[in-house]
C-alpha atoms as a PDB file:
ATOM      1  CA  MET A   1      26.474  62.191-126.599  1.00  0.00           C
ATOM      2  CA  ASN A   2      29.267  64.478-127.700  1.00  0.00           C
ATOM      3  CA  GLN A   3      29.991  64.664-131.426  1.00  0.00           C
ATOM      4  CA  GLY A   4      28.366  61.264-131.891  1.00  0.00           C
ATOM      5  CA  HIS A   5      30.286  59.543-129.087  1.00  0.00           C
ATOM      6  CA  ALA A   6      28.925  58.364-125.756  1.00  0.00           C
ATOM      7  CA  ALA A   7      29.973  60.743-122.977  1.00  0.00           C
ATOM      8  CA  GLY A   8      28.957  58.719-119.932  1.00  0.00           C
ATOM      9  CA  TRP A   9      30.360  55.884-117.900  1.00  0.00           C
ATOM     10  CA  ALA A  10      27.768  53.199-118.524  1.00  0.00           C
ATOM     11  CA  PRO A  11      24.293  52.733-119.935  1.00  0.00           C
ATOM     12  CA  VAL A  12      22.371  53.287-116.686  1.00  0.00           C
ATOM     13  CA  ALA A  13      18.755  54.419-116.863  1.00  0.00           C
ATOM     14  CA  ASP A  14      18.177  57.832-115.264  1.00  0.00           C
ATOM     15  CA  ASP A  15      15.398  56.475-113.044  1.00  0.00           C
ATOM     16  CA  ASN A  16      17.754  53.801-111.687  1.00  0.00           C
ATOM     17  CA  ALA A  17      20.436  56.392-110.964  1.00  0.00           C
ATOM     18  CA  VAL A  18      17.920  58.670-109.214  1.00  0.00           C
ATOM     19  CA  ASP A  19      16.624  55.740-107.145  1.00  0.00           C
ATOM     20  CA  ALA A  20      20.187  54.923-106.088  1.00  0.00           C
ATOM     21  CA  LEU A  21      20.882  58.542-105.132  1.00  0.00           C
ATOM     22  CA  LEU A  22      17.633  58.766-103.162  1.00  0.00           C
ATOM     23  CA  SER A  23      18.566  55.559-101.360  1.00  0.00           C
ATOM     24  CA  THR A  24      21.988  56.890-100.375  1.00  0.00           C
ATOM     25  CA  HIS A  25      20.392  60.115 -99.167  1.00  0.00           C
ATOM     26  CA  ALA A  26      17.901  58.137 -97.059  1.00  0.00           C
ATOM     27  CA  GLN A  27      20.842  56.281 -95.528  1.00  0.00           C
ATOM     28  CA  GLY A  28      22.468  59.557 -94.505  1.00  0.00           C
ATOM     29  CA  ALA A  29      24.755  60.556 -97.369  1.00  0.00           C
ATOM     30  CA  THR A  30      25.432  64.284 -97.353  1.00  0.00           C
ATOM     31  CA  VAL A  31      28.300  64.626 -99.837  1.00  0.00           C
ATOM     32  CA  TYR A  32      28.047  63.748-103.526  1.00  0.00           C
ATOM     33  CA  ASP A  33      31.202  63.946-105.645  1.00  0.00           C
ATOM     34  CA  THR A  34      30.385  64.801-109.238  1.00  0.00           C
ATOM     35  CA  SER A  35      31.667  67.009-112.014  1.00  0.00           C
ATOM     36  CA  ASP A  36      30.301  68.870-114.987  1.00  0.00           C
ATOM     37  CA  VAL A  37      32.352  66.607-117.254  1.00  0.00           C
ATOM     38  CA  TYR A  38      30.551  63.436-116.138  1.00  0.00           C
ATOM     39  CA  GLY A  39      28.092  62.887-118.947  1.00  0.00           C
ATOM     40  CA  LEU A  40      28.550  66.517-120.041  1.00  0.00           C
ATOM     41  CA  GLY A  41      26.741  67.768-116.939  1.00  0.00           C
ATOM     42  CA  HIS A  42      24.177  64.990-116.861  1.00  0.00           C
ATOM     43  CA  SER A  43      25.348  63.790-113.433  1.00  0.00           C
ATOM     44  CA  LEU A  44      24.751  67.268-112.024  1.00  0.00           C
ATOM     45  CA  ARG A  45      21.245  67.383-113.468  1.00  0.00           C
ATOM     46  CA  LEU A  46      20.418  64.006-111.901  1.00  0.00           C
ATOM     47  CA  LEU A  47      21.770  65.170-108.557  1.00  0.00           C
ATOM     48  CA  GLY A  48      19.624  68.289-108.885  1.00  0.00           C
ATOM     49  CA  ARG A  49      16.576  66.076-109.435  1.00  0.00           C
ATOM     50  CA  ILE A  50      17.093  64.232-106.171  1.00  0.00           C
ATOM     51  CA  LEU A  51      17.942  67.348-104.207  1.00  0.00           C
ATOM     52  CA  ALA A  52      14.698  68.941-105.391  1.00  0.00           C
ATOM     53  CA  GLN A  53      12.812  65.891-104.109  1.00  0.00           C
ATOM     54  CA  VAL A  54      14.425  65.821-100.655  1.00  0.00           C
ATOM     55  CA  SER A  55      14.631  69.544 -99.941  1.00  0.00           C
END
């Protein structure tokens, strides 16, 4: 949320997003395109969660 307004793309549960990222990593993905403005940095934090799990 940013000043009371949603700042993300869709109401996706974090665990579902992490599961999807882990699945893409398991299938060989090595590049993830994200930005600090996606969800006010939330996308970067989720990516950090999966990278910590696979490193």
